[in-house]
Amino acid sequence: EVQLVESGGGLVRAGGSLRLSCAASGFTVDGSAIGWFRQAPGKEREGVACVSIYNDDRTTYYADSAKGRFTIFIDNAKNSVHLQMNSLKPEDTAVYFCGASLWPLDRSAIAQPNRYDNWGQGTQVTVSS
């Protein structure tokens, strides 16, 4: 059974940092696509940072809003994925979800939520001004 368990959300002031973690089980992160998505009230779920690994090929995606501030990284030993978020802004406020596809995804698909069929429960990130 595939499970994704997120942790690390919370309340932080603008300019602060948070690290989100997603522990995966039931599949191996290496050989899949896994990433972080977020959904703010009244908005659609959007890709924030995703990575797809197939053999030695790695495809990484960052939303424009995340570039330079967020870093996604994999811990193969713990079969987990993490999102380091720095210089947080109030517009980063959302529920953040860890999503996984059991198959690698190419650059045209990696940021599309409908290509991911496994989701965690979500963790709230609130950035105050």
Foldseek 3Di string as FASTA:
>chain_A
DWAWAKDWADEEAAQAKIKMKIQIPPAAQAAKKKAKWWDAPPGDIWGAWIWFHDPPDIDIDHDPVQPPFKDWDADRVRRMIMIIGGRDDQVVWTWMKMFIGNHGDDPVPRTPPVNTDYIHPTDTHGYHD
